[in-house]
């Protein structure tokens, strides 16, 4: 692990030592920046995103973490004693830090699996709909007339675009909570 304070971080960021800092940070399993300013936190996240081209996640609980949360790809705000500024600037909000494991491993896995299935479903829905209209044009001599009434087209898209995502969102859980928490490597499986 690497622990770096705000003064050392300012020397690194102003002295052109970003490359060496990132080379050292890549060798560590975790890097902790303490006693740093909000601007420095945001700069570190931007540096990692720009140089390493990695997806970044920032977690904060106060107003001093807002720039870091906004600079990251995914921001998580923890509502707590320091106020709600971090929560209002974040993508996801949790009440305690201990909920982060379940948010990432369980809900992250389910969300990824659901989105992958829904993308395939929407391709299927649109291909089948367009195929129907395409083959009808052979039947009507390419006159441009529509086979389906306007209201039926609206209800088709409304029904087949709103109901399946709701059902998938509520009911589709490919792996149980206990299994996902017990085997964190399942999170990488979908990627």
N, C-alpha and C. Protein backbone atom coordinates (compact mmCIF):
# COMPACT_ATOMS: atom_id res chain seq x y z
N UNK A 1 0.83 -1.20 0.00
CA UNK A 1 0.00 0.00 0.00
C UNK A 1 0.86 1.24 0.00
N UNK A 2 0.27 2.33 -0.43
CA UNK A 2 0.95 3.61 -0.49
C UNK A 2 0.08 4.64 0.22
N UNK A 3 0.66 5.34 1.18
CA UNK A 3 -0.02 6.42 1.88
C UNK A 3 0.75 7.70 1.59
N UNK A 4 0.03 8.69 1.07
CA UNK A 4 0.68 9.95 0.68
C UNK A 4 -0.14 11.11 1.24
N UNK A 5 0.55 12.11 1.77
CA UNK A 5 -0.16 13.24 2.37
C UNK A 5 -0.28 14.39 1.36
N UNK A 6 -1.01 15.42 1.76
CA UNK A 6 -1.31 16.54 0.87
C UNK A 6 -0.09 17.32 0.43
N UNK A 7 0.86 17.55 1.34
CA UNK A 7 2.06 18.31 0.97
C UNK A 7 2.88 17.57 -0.07
N UNK A 8 3.07 16.29 0.14
CA UNK A 8 3.82 15.48 -0.83
C UNK A 8 3.08 15.41 -2.16
N UNK A 9 1.78 15.33 -2.08
CA UNK A 9 0.96 15.27 -3.30
C UNK A 9 1.08 16.56 -4.10
N UNK A 10 1.12 17.71 -3.42
CA UNK A 10 1.28 18.98 -4.14
C UNK A 10 2.64 19.06 -4.81
N UNK A 11 3.69 18.53 -4.16
CA UNK A 11 5.02 18.50 -4.79
C UNK A 11 5.00 17.62 -6.04
N UNK A 12 4.30 16.51 -5.97
CA UNK A 12 4.23 15.60 -7.12
C UNK A 12 3.47 16.25 -8.27
N UNK A 13 2.31 16.85 -7.97
CA UNK A 13 1.46 17.41 -9.02
C UNK A 13 2.05 18.68 -9.64
N UNK A 14 2.79 19.46 -8.86
CA UNK A 14 3.38 20.70 -9.39
C UNK A 14 4.78 20.49 -9.94
N UNK A 15 5.46 19.44 -9.51
CA UNK A 15 6.84 19.21 -9.92
C UNK A 15 7.01 18.33 -11.13
N UNK A 16 5.92 17.94 -11.78
CA UNK A 16 6.04 17.10 -12.98
C UNK A 16 6.42 15.66 -12.68
N UNK A 17 6.08 15.19 -11.50
CA UNK A 17 6.43 13.82 -11.12
C UNK A 17 5.24 12.86 -11.23
N UNK A 18 4.25 13.24 -12.02
CA UNK A 18 3.04 12.43 -12.14
C UNK A 18 3.33 11.04 -12.67
N UNK A 19 4.22 10.94 -13.65
CA UNK A 19 4.54 9.65 -14.26
C UNK A 19 5.16 8.69 -13.23
N UNK A 20 6.09 9.21 -12.43
CA UNK A 20 6.73 8.38 -11.43
C UNK A 20 5.75 7.99 -10.33
N UNK A 21 4.87 8.92 -9.97
CA UNK A 21 3.86 8.64 -8.95
C UNK A 21 2.92 7.53 -9.44
N UNK A 22 2.50 7.61 -10.69
CA UNK A 22 1.61 6.58 -11.23
C UNK A 22 2.33 5.23 -11.36
N UNK A 23 3.61 5.26 -11.72
CA UNK A 23 4.37 4.00 -11.80
C UNK A 23 4.46 3.34 -10.42
N UNK A 24 4.67 4.14 -9.39
CA UNK A 24 4.72 3.61 -8.03
C UNK A 24 3.34 3.14 -7.57
N UNK A 25 2.33 3.91 -7.90
CA UNK A 25 0.96 3.56 -7.49
C UNK A 25 0.48 2.27 -8.16
N UNK A 26 0.91 2.01 -9.37
CA UNK A 26 0.50 0.79 -10.06
C UNK A 26 1.07 -0.46 -9.41
N UNK A 27 2.18 -0.32 -8.69
CA UNK A 27 2.79 -1.45 -8.01
C UNK A 27 2.08 -1.78 -6.70
N UNK A 28 1.22 -0.89 -6.23
CA UNK A 28 0.54 -1.08 -4.94
C UNK A 28 -0.87 -1.60 -5.15
N UNK A 29 -1.36 -2.33 -4.17
CA UNK A 29 -2.74 -2.82 -4.21
C UNK A 29 -3.72 -1.72 -3.86
N UNK A 30 -3.30 -0.79 -3.00
CA UNK A 30 -4.17 0.33 -2.64
C UNK A 30 -3.32 1.57 -2.40
N UNK A 31 -3.89 2.72 -2.76
CA UNK A 31 -3.23 4.00 -2.58
C UNK A 31 -4.18 4.89 -1.79
N UNK A 32 -3.66 5.49 -0.72
CA UNK A 32 -4.47 6.32 0.15
C UNK A 32 -3.87 7.72 0.18
N UNK A 33 -4.68 8.71 -0.16
CA UNK A 33 -4.26 10.11 -0.10
C UNK A 33 -4.95 10.74 1.12
N UNK A 34 -4.16 11.19 2.08
CA UNK A 34 -4.73 11.78 3.29
C UNK A 34 -4.27 13.22 3.43
N UNK A 35 -5.05 13.98 4.16
CA UNK A 35 -4.75 15.40 4.41
C UNK A 35 -4.52 16.17 3.11
N UNK A 36 -5.35 15.89 2.12
CA UNK A 36 -5.22 16.60 0.84
C UNK A 36 -6.43 17.52 0.64
N UNK A 37 -6.24 18.51 -0.18
CA UNK A 37 -7.30 19.49 -0.44
C UNK A 37 -8.30 18.90 -1.43
N UNK A 38 -9.50 19.47 -1.48
CA UNK A 38 -10.48 18.98 -2.46
C UNK A 38 -9.97 19.06 -3.90
N UNK A 39 -9.23 20.11 -4.21
CA UNK A 39 -8.68 20.26 -5.56
C UNK A 39 -7.68 19.15 -5.87
N UNK A 40 -6.85 18.80 -4.90
CA UNK A 40 -5.87 17.73 -5.10
C UNK A 40 -6.55 16.38 -5.32
N UNK A 41 -7.64 16.13 -4.59
CA UNK A 41 -8.38 14.88 -4.77
C UNK A 41 -8.91 14.77 -6.19
N UNK A 42 -9.50 15.84 -6.69
CA UNK A 42 -10.01 15.84 -8.06
C UNK A 42 -8.89 15.68 -9.09
N UNK A 43 -7.75 16.31 -8.82
CA UNK A 43 -6.62 16.22 -9.75
C UNK A 43 -6.06 14.80 -9.82
N UNK A 44 -6.01 14.11 -8.69
CA UNK A 44 -5.52 12.73 -8.68
C UNK A 44 -6.45 11.83 -9.49
N UNK A 45 -7.74 12.01 -9.32
CA UNK A 45 -8.69 11.19 -10.08
C UNK A 45 -8.55 11.48 -11.57
N UNK A 46 -8.47 12.76 -11.94
CA UNK A 46 -8.30 13.10 -13.37
C UNK A 46 -6.99 12.55 -13.92
N UNK A 47 -5.94 12.59 -13.11
CA UNK A 47 -4.64 12.06 -13.53
C UNK A 47 -4.72 10.56 -13.81
N UNK A 48 -5.36 9.83 -12.94
CA UNK A 48 -5.50 8.38 -13.14
C UNK A 48 -6.35 8.09 -14.37
N UNK A 49 -7.45 8.84 -14.53
CA UNK A 49 -8.30 8.62 -15.71
C UNK A 49 -7.55 8.92 -17.00
N UNK A 50 -6.81 10.02 -17.00
CA UNK A 50 -6.14 10.46 -18.23
C UNK A 50 -4.94 9.58 -18.58
N UNK A 51 -4.08 9.32 -17.60
CA UNK A 51 -2.84 8.60 -17.88
C UNK A 51 -3.03 7.09 -18.00
N UNK A 52 -3.80 6.51 -17.09
CA UNK A 52 -3.97 5.05 -17.09
C UNK A 52 -5.16 4.58 -17.91
N UNK A 53 -6.01 5.52 -18.29
CA UNK A 53 -7.24 5.20 -19.03
C UNK A 53 -8.02 4.10 -18.31
N UNK A 54 -8.14 4.28 -17.01
CA UNK A 54 -8.84 3.31 -16.17
C UNK A 54 -10.18 3.89 -15.73
N UNK A 55 -11.11 3.02 -15.43
CA UNK A 55 -12.38 3.48 -14.88
C UNK A 55 -12.16 3.78 -13.40
N UNK A 56 -12.62 4.94 -12.98
CA UNK A 56 -12.37 5.37 -11.61
C UNK A 56 -13.66 5.42 -10.81
N UNK A 57 -13.53 5.13 -9.53
CA UNK A 57 -14.63 5.18 -8.58
C UNK A 57 -14.17 6.04 -7.41
N UNK A 58 -14.97 7.04 -7.06
CA UNK A 58 -14.62 7.90 -5.94
C UNK A 58 -15.72 7.81 -4.89
N UNK A 59 -15.30 7.73 -3.64
CA UNK A 59 -16.22 7.61 -2.52
C UNK A 59 -15.94 8.75 -1.56
N UNK A 60 -16.98 9.48 -1.20
CA UNK A 60 -16.80 10.58 -0.28
C UNK A 60 -18.00 10.80 0.60
N UNK A 61 -17.77 11.53 1.70
CA UNK A 61 -18.86 11.75 2.63
C UNK A 61 -19.08 13.22 2.98
N UNK A 62 -18.36 14.13 2.37
CA UNK A 62 -18.52 15.53 2.72
C UNK A 62 -18.33 16.45 1.54
N UNK A 63 -18.43 17.75 1.81
CA UNK A 63 -18.31 18.76 0.75
C UNK A 63 -16.91 18.78 0.16
N UNK A 64 -15.90 18.39 0.95
CA UNK A 64 -14.54 18.39 0.43
C UNK A 64 -14.28 17.27 -0.58
N UNK A 65 -15.21 16.34 -0.73
CA UNK A 65 -15.05 15.23 -1.68
C UNK A 65 -15.82 15.43 -2.98
N UNK A 66 -16.51 16.55 -3.12
CA UNK A 66 -17.38 16.77 -4.29
C UNK A 66 -16.58 16.81 -5.58
N UNK A 67 -15.45 17.51 -5.61
CA UNK A 67 -14.67 17.59 -6.87
C UNK A 67 -14.13 16.22 -7.26
N UNK A 68 -13.75 15.41 -6.29
CA UNK A 68 -13.26 14.06 -6.56
C UNK A 68 -14.39 13.18 -7.11
N UNK A 69 -15.57 13.28 -6.53
CA UNK A 69 -16.72 12.48 -6.96
C UNK A 69 -17.13 12.86 -8.38
N UNK A 70 -17.11 14.16 -8.67
CA UNK A 70 -17.50 14.62 -10.00
C UNK A 70 -16.47 14.28 -11.06
N UNK A 71 -15.22 14.17 -10.68
CA UNK A 71 -14.16 13.85 -11.65
C UNK A 71 -14.12 12.36 -12.00
N UNK A 72 -14.66 11.52 -11.13
CA UNK A 72 -14.61 10.07 -11.33
C UNK A 72 -15.69 9.61 -12.30
N UNK A 73 -15.50 8.42 -12.86
CA UNK A 73 -16.52 7.84 -13.72
C UNK A 73 -17.77 7.50 -12.92
N UNK A 74 -17.57 6.93 -11.74
CA UNK A 74 -18.68 6.57 -10.85
C UNK A 74 -18.40 7.21 -9.50
N UNK A 75 -19.36 7.96 -9.00
CA UNK A 75 -19.22 8.61 -7.71
C UNK A 75 -20.22 8.06 -6.72
N UNK A 76 -19.73 7.76 -5.53
CA UNK A 76 -20.59 7.25 -4.47
C UNK A 76 -20.51 8.21 -3.29
N UNK A 77 -21.66 8.70 -2.86
CA UNK A 77 -21.72 9.60 -1.73
C UNK A 77 -22.27 8.88 -0.51
N UNK A 78 -21.65 9.14 0.62
CA UNK A 78 -22.08 8.54 1.88
C UNK A 78 -22.74 9.64 2.70
N UNK A 79 -24.01 9.47 2.99
CA UNK A 79 -24.70 10.48 3.80
C UNK A 79 -24.29 10.29 5.24
N UNK A 80 -23.92 11.40 5.86
CA UNK A 80 -23.44 11.27 7.23
C UNK A 80 -23.43 12.58 7.96
N UNK A 81 -22.50 12.70 8.88
CA UNK A 81 -22.43 13.85 9.75
C UNK A 81 -21.97 15.11 9.04
N UNK A 82 -21.23 14.97 7.95
CA UNK A 82 -20.68 16.13 7.26
C UNK A 82 -21.66 16.77 6.29
N UNK A 83 -22.85 16.26 6.18
CA UNK A 83 -23.84 16.86 5.31
C UNK A 83 -24.16 16.01 4.11
N UNK A 84 -24.90 16.62 3.19
CA UNK A 84 -25.39 15.89 2.03
C UNK A 84 -24.76 16.35 0.70
N UNK A 85 -23.72 17.18 0.73
CA UNK A 85 -23.13 17.68 -0.51
C UNK A 85 -22.56 16.55 -1.36
N UNK A 86 -21.89 15.59 -0.74
CA UNK A 86 -21.31 14.48 -1.49
C UNK A 86 -22.41 13.61 -2.10
N UNK A 87 -23.48 13.41 -1.37
CA UNK A 87 -24.59 12.61 -1.88
C UNK A 87 -25.25 13.29 -3.06
N UNK A 88 -25.40 14.60 -3.00
CA UNK A 88 -26.06 15.32 -4.08
C UNK A 88 -25.20 15.37 -5.34
N UNK A 89 -23.89 15.26 -5.22
CA UNK A 89 -23.00 15.29 -6.38
C UNK A 89 -22.69 13.89 -6.92
N UNK A 90 -23.16 12.86 -6.24
CA UNK A 90 -22.76 11.49 -6.60
C UNK A 90 -23.77 10.81 -7.52
N UNK A 91 -23.33 9.68 -8.08
CA UNK A 91 -24.20 8.84 -8.90
C UNK A 91 -25.04 7.91 -8.04
N UNK A 92 -24.44 7.43 -6.96
CA UNK A 92 -25.10 6.52 -6.03
C UNK A 92 -24.91 7.05 -4.62
N UNK A 93 -25.90 6.79 -3.78
CA UNK A 93 -25.82 7.23 -2.39
C UNK A 93 -26.06 6.03 -1.48
N UNK A 94 -25.24 5.94 -0.45
CA UNK A 94 -25.41 4.90 0.56
C UNK A 94 -25.36 5.58 1.93
N UNK A 95 -25.92 4.91 2.92
CA UNK A 95 -25.98 5.53 4.24
C UNK A 95 -24.74 5.22 5.08
N UNK A 96 -24.09 4.10 4.83
CA UNK A 96 -22.89 3.73 5.59
C UNK A 96 -21.88 3.09 4.64
N UNK A 97 -20.62 3.19 5.02
CA UNK A 97 -19.55 2.64 4.20
C UNK A 97 -19.66 1.12 4.06
N UNK A 98 -20.23 0.46 5.05
CA UNK A 98 -20.32 -1.01 5.01
C UNK A 98 -21.26 -1.49 3.90
N UNK A 99 -22.12 -0.62 3.38
CA UNK A 99 -23.03 -1.00 2.30
C UNK A 99 -22.35 -0.99 0.92
N UNK A 100 -21.13 -0.53 0.86
CA UNK A 100 -20.41 -0.45 -0.42
C UNK A 100 -20.19 -1.83 -1.03
N UNK A 101 -19.88 -2.82 -0.21
CA UNK A 101 -19.64 -4.17 -0.72
C UNK A 101 -20.88 -4.71 -1.42
N UNK A 102 -22.04 -4.56 -0.81
CA UNK A 102 -23.28 -5.06 -1.42
C UNK A 102 -23.64 -4.25 -2.66
N UNK A 103 -23.39 -2.95 -2.62
CA UNK A 103 -23.68 -2.10 -3.79
C UNK A 103 -22.87 -2.55 -5.00
N UNK A 104 -21.59 -2.79 -4.80
CA UNK A 104 -20.73 -3.17 -5.93
C UNK A 104 -20.92 -4.61 -6.37
N UNK A 105 -20.84 -5.53 -5.41
CA UNK A 105 -20.83 -6.95 -5.78
C UNK A 105 -22.20 -7.50 -6.15
N UNK A 106 -23.24 -7.06 -5.46
CA UNK A 106 -24.57 -7.62 -5.71
C UNK A 106 -25.32 -6.77 -6.74
N UNK A 107 -25.58 -5.52 -6.39
CA UNK A 107 -26.37 -4.68 -7.29
C UNK A 107 -25.63 -4.35 -8.57
N UNK A 108 -24.31 -4.23 -8.50
CA UNK A 108 -23.52 -4.00 -9.71
C UNK A 108 -23.60 -5.18 -10.67
N UNK A 109 -23.49 -6.38 -10.13
CA UNK A 109 -23.60 -7.60 -10.97
C UNK A 109 -24.99 -7.71 -11.59
N UNK A 110 -26.01 -7.53 -10.76
CA UNK A 110 -27.38 -7.64 -11.28
C UNK A 110 -27.65 -6.58 -12.34
N UNK A 111 -27.21 -5.37 -12.10
CA UNK A 111 -27.44 -4.29 -13.06
C UNK A 111 -26.75 -4.59 -14.39
N UNK A 112 -25.52 -5.08 -14.33
CA UNK A 112 -24.79 -5.41 -15.55
C UNK A 112 -25.50 -6.52 -16.33
N UNK A 113 -25.93 -7.56 -15.63
CA UNK A 113 -26.61 -8.67 -16.29
C UNK A 113 -27.95 -8.23 -16.88
N UNK A 114 -28.70 -7.42 -16.14
CA UNK A 114 -29.99 -6.95 -16.64
C UNK A 114 -29.83 -6.07 -17.86
N UNK A 115 -28.86 -5.16 -17.83
CA UNK A 115 -28.65 -4.28 -18.99
C UNK A 115 -28.23 -5.07 -20.23
N UNK A 116 -27.39 -6.07 -20.04
CA UNK A 116 -26.96 -6.89 -21.18
C UNK A 116 -28.15 -7.62 -21.80
N UNK A 117 -29.01 -8.17 -20.96
CA UNK A 117 -30.19 -8.88 -21.48
C UNK A 117 -31.17 -7.91 -22.14
N UNK A 118 -31.32 -6.72 -21.58
CA UNK A 118 -32.27 -5.77 -22.15
C UNK A 118 -31.80 -5.22 -23.49
N UNK A 119 -30.51 -5.06 -23.68
CA UNK A 119 -30.01 -4.62 -24.98
C UNK A 119 -30.34 -5.66 -26.04
N UNK A 120 -30.12 -6.91 -25.73
CA UNK A 120 -30.47 -7.98 -26.67
C UNK A 120 -31.97 -8.00 -26.93
N UNK A 121 -32.76 -7.81 -25.90
CA UNK A 121 -34.22 -7.79 -26.05
C UNK A 121 -34.66 -6.65 -26.97
N UNK A 122 -34.10 -5.46 -26.79
CA UNK A 122 -34.52 -4.33 -27.62
C UNK A 122 -34.11 -4.53 -29.08
N UNK A 123 -32.96 -5.14 -29.33
CA UNK A 123 -32.61 -5.47 -30.71
C UNK A 123 -33.63 -6.44 -31.29
N UNK A 124 -33.99 -7.47 -30.54
CA UNK A 124 -34.97 -8.46 -31.00
C UNK A 124 -36.32 -7.78 -31.29
N UNK A 125 -36.78 -6.92 -30.37
CA UNK A 125 -38.06 -6.26 -30.54
C UNK A 125 -38.07 -5.39 -31.80
N UNK A 126 -37.04 -4.62 -32.00
CA UNK A 126 -37.01 -3.72 -33.15
C UNK A 126 -36.80 -4.46 -34.45
N UNK A 127 -35.98 -5.51 -34.46
CA UNK A 127 -35.79 -6.29 -35.68
C UNK A 127 -37.08 -6.99 -36.09
N UNK A 128 -37.78 -7.56 -35.12
CA UNK A 128 -39.03 -8.24 -35.46
C UNK A 128 -40.08 -7.24 -35.97
N UNK A 129 -40.13 -6.07 -35.40
CA UNK A 129 -41.09 -5.05 -35.82
C UNK A 129 -40.77 -4.55 -37.24
N UNK A 130 -39.51 -4.25 -37.50
CA UNK A 130 -39.12 -3.75 -38.82
C UNK A 130 -39.25 -4.86 -39.87
N UNK A 131 -38.95 -6.10 -39.51
CA UNK A 131 -39.12 -7.22 -40.43
C UNK A 131 -40.57 -7.36 -40.88
N UNK A 132 -41.48 -7.20 -39.95
CA UNK A 132 -42.90 -7.27 -40.25
C UNK A 132 -43.29 -6.21 -41.29
N UNK A 133 -42.84 -4.98 -41.06
CA UNK A 133 -43.16 -3.90 -42.01
C UNK A 133 -42.45 -4.09 -43.34
N UNK A 134 -41.23 -4.60 -43.34
CA UNK A 134 -40.49 -4.81 -44.58
C UNK A 134 -41.18 -5.84 -45.47
N UNK A 135 -41.56 -6.98 -44.90
CA UNK A 135 -42.19 -8.02 -45.71
C UNK A 135 -43.59 -7.61 -46.15
N UNK A 136 -44.24 -6.76 -45.39
CA UNK A 136 -45.56 -6.28 -45.80
C UNK A 136 -45.45 -5.42 -47.07
N UNK A 137 -44.34 -4.73 -47.25
CA UNK A 137 -44.18 -3.90 -48.44
C UNK A 137 -44.16 -4.76 -49.72
N UNK A 138 -43.67 -5.98 -49.66
CA UNK A 138 -43.75 -6.87 -50.82
C UNK A 138 -45.21 -7.22 -51.12
N UNK A 139 -45.98 -7.40 -50.07
CA UNK A 139 -47.39 -7.77 -50.23
C UNK A 139 -48.22 -6.62 -50.83
N UNK A 140 -47.94 -5.39 -50.42
CA UNK A 140 -48.75 -4.25 -50.89
C UNK A 140 -48.11 -3.54 -52.08
N UNK A 141 -47.08 -4.12 -52.67
CA UNK A 141 -46.50 -3.56 -53.89
C UNK A 141 -45.68 -2.30 -53.63
N UNK A 142 -45.06 -2.17 -52.50
CA UNK A 142 -44.21 -1.03 -52.14
C UNK A 142 -44.95 0.30 -52.27
N UNK A 143 -46.21 0.30 -51.86
CA UNK A 143 -47.02 1.52 -51.95
C UNK A 143 -46.72 2.49 -50.81
N UNK A 144 -46.05 2.02 -49.78
CA UNK A 144 -45.75 2.88 -48.64
C UNK A 144 -46.85 2.89 -47.59
N UNK A 145 -47.89 2.12 -47.83
CA UNK A 145 -48.96 2.06 -46.84
C UNK A 145 -48.50 1.27 -45.62
N UNK A 146 -49.04 1.64 -44.50
CA UNK A 146 -48.65 0.93 -43.27
C UNK A 146 -49.62 -0.19 -42.98
N UNK A 147 -49.11 -1.23 -42.46
CA UNK A 147 -49.90 -2.40 -42.16
C UNK A 147 -50.61 -2.27 -40.82
N UNK A 148 -50.03 -1.48 -39.95
CA UNK A 148 -50.51 -1.38 -38.58
C UNK A 148 -51.05 0.03 -38.35
N UNK A 149 -52.16 0.10 -37.66
CA UNK A 149 -52.76 1.39 -37.32
C UNK A 149 -51.81 2.17 -36.40
N UNK A 150 -51.91 3.49 -36.46
CA UNK A 150 -51.04 4.36 -35.69
C UNK A 150 -51.13 4.08 -34.20
N UNK A 151 -52.33 3.91 -33.68
CA UNK A 151 -52.50 3.65 -32.25
C UNK A 151 -51.94 2.29 -31.85
N UNK A 152 -52.04 1.32 -32.73
CA UNK A 152 -51.47 0.01 -32.43
C UNK A 152 -49.94 0.08 -32.37
N UNK A 153 -49.35 0.90 -33.25
CA UNK A 153 -47.90 1.07 -33.19
C UNK A 153 -47.48 1.71 -31.88
N UNK A 154 -48.24 2.71 -31.43
CA UNK A 154 -47.91 3.38 -30.17
C UNK A 154 -48.02 2.40 -29.01
N UNK A 155 -49.11 1.64 -28.95
CA UNK A 155 -49.28 0.70 -27.85
C UNK A 155 -48.28 -0.46 -27.91
N UNK A 156 -47.91 -0.88 -29.13
CA UNK A 156 -46.89 -1.92 -29.26
C UNK A 156 -45.59 -1.45 -28.63
N UNK A 157 -45.15 -0.26 -29.01
CA UNK A 157 -43.89 0.25 -28.45
C UNK A 157 -44.03 0.55 -26.96
N UNK A 158 -45.15 1.07 -26.55
CA UNK A 158 -45.34 1.38 -25.14
C UNK A 158 -45.34 0.09 -24.30
N UNK A 159 -46.09 -0.90 -24.74
CA UNK A 159 -46.17 -2.14 -23.97
C UNK A 159 -44.86 -2.91 -23.98
N UNK A 160 -44.24 -3.05 -25.15
CA UNK A 160 -43.04 -3.86 -25.26
C UNK A 160 -41.77 -3.09 -24.89
N UNK A 161 -41.90 -1.81 -24.57
CA UNK A 161 -40.74 -1.05 -24.14
C UNK A 161 -40.79 -0.74 -22.65
N UNK A 162 -41.96 -0.77 -22.05
CA UNK A 162 -42.03 -0.43 -20.63
C UNK A 162 -42.21 -1.64 -19.72
N UNK A 163 -43.02 -2.59 -20.10
CA UNK A 163 -43.31 -3.72 -19.21
C UNK A 163 -42.09 -4.64 -19.02
N UNK A 164 -41.40 -5.09 -20.08
CA UNK A 164 -40.24 -5.97 -19.85
C UNK A 164 -39.13 -5.36 -19.00
N UNK A 165 -38.74 -4.08 -19.18
CA UNK A 165 -37.72 -3.55 -18.27
C UNK A 165 -38.17 -3.54 -16.81
N UNK A 166 -39.45 -3.27 -16.57
CA UNK A 166 -39.95 -3.28 -15.19
C UNK A 166 -39.88 -4.70 -14.62
N UNK A 167 -40.31 -5.68 -15.42
CA UNK A 167 -40.27 -7.07 -14.94
C UNK A 167 -38.83 -7.54 -14.73
N UNK A 168 -37.95 -7.21 -15.67
CA UNK A 168 -36.54 -7.58 -15.51
C UNK A 168 -35.95 -6.91 -14.28
N UNK A 169 -36.27 -5.64 -14.08
CA UNK A 169 -35.71 -4.92 -12.95
C UNK A 169 -36.15 -5.46 -11.61
N UNK A 170 -37.36 -5.97 -11.54
CA UNK A 170 -37.89 -6.47 -10.27
C UNK A 170 -37.58 -7.94 -10.05
N UNK A 171 -37.70 -8.73 -11.09
CA UNK A 171 -37.67 -10.19 -10.91
C UNK A 171 -36.36 -10.87 -11.29
N UNK A 172 -35.57 -10.30 -12.17
CA UNK A 172 -34.40 -11.00 -12.70
C UNK A 172 -33.21 -10.89 -11.76
N UNK A 173 -32.90 -11.99 -11.11
CA UNK A 173 -31.73 -12.08 -10.23
C UNK A 173 -31.08 -13.42 -10.54
N UNK A 174 -30.07 -13.39 -11.42
CA UNK A 174 -29.48 -14.63 -11.91
C UNK A 174 -28.72 -15.40 -10.84
N UNK A 175 -28.16 -14.71 -9.86
CA UNK A 175 -27.41 -15.36 -8.79
C UNK A 175 -27.88 -14.76 -7.47
N UNK A 176 -27.93 -15.56 -6.43
CA UNK A 176 -28.43 -15.07 -5.14
C UNK A 176 -27.44 -14.12 -4.48
N UNK A 177 -27.94 -13.36 -3.53
CA UNK A 177 -27.11 -12.40 -2.79
C UNK A 177 -25.97 -13.11 -2.07
N UNK A 178 -26.27 -14.21 -1.43
CA UNK A 178 -25.27 -14.94 -0.66
C UNK A 178 -24.13 -15.44 -1.55
N UNK A 179 -24.47 -15.93 -2.74
CA UNK A 179 -23.45 -16.43 -3.66
C UNK A 179 -22.58 -15.28 -4.16
N UNK A 180 -23.19 -14.15 -4.50
CA UNK A 180 -22.41 -13.02 -4.99
C UNK A 180 -21.49 -12.45 -3.92
N UNK A 181 -21.96 -12.41 -2.69
CA UNK A 181 -21.10 -11.91 -1.60
C UNK A 181 -20.02 -12.93 -1.24
N UNK A 182 -20.32 -14.19 -1.39
CA UNK A 182 -19.35 -15.24 -1.08
C UNK A 182 -18.29 -15.42 -2.14
N UNK A 183 -18.62 -15.13 -3.38
CA UNK A 183 -17.68 -15.29 -4.51
C UNK A 183 -17.54 -13.96 -5.26
N UNK A 184 -16.72 -13.04 -4.77
CA UNK A 184 -16.59 -11.73 -5.43
C UNK A 184 -16.07 -11.81 -6.85
N UNK A 185 -15.40 -12.91 -7.22
CA UNK A 185 -14.86 -13.03 -8.57
C UNK A 185 -15.96 -13.16 -9.62
N UNK A 186 -17.19 -13.42 -9.22
CA UNK A 186 -18.31 -13.48 -10.16
C UNK A 186 -18.58 -12.11 -10.79
N UNK A 187 -18.15 -11.05 -10.14
CA UNK A 187 -18.36 -9.71 -10.68
C UNK A 187 -17.61 -9.53 -12.00
N UNK A 188 -16.43 -10.14 -12.11
CA UNK A 188 -15.63 -10.03 -13.33
C UNK A 188 -16.18 -10.87 -14.46
N UNK A 189 -17.02 -11.85 -14.15
CA UNK A 189 -17.51 -12.82 -15.12
C UNK A 189 -18.21 -12.15 -16.30
N UNK A 190 -19.07 -11.19 -16.03
CA UNK A 190 -19.83 -10.55 -17.10
C UNK A 190 -19.00 -9.64 -17.97
N UNK A 191 -17.95 -9.09 -17.41
CA UNK A 191 -17.15 -8.15 -18.17
C UNK A 191 -16.38 -8.86 -19.27
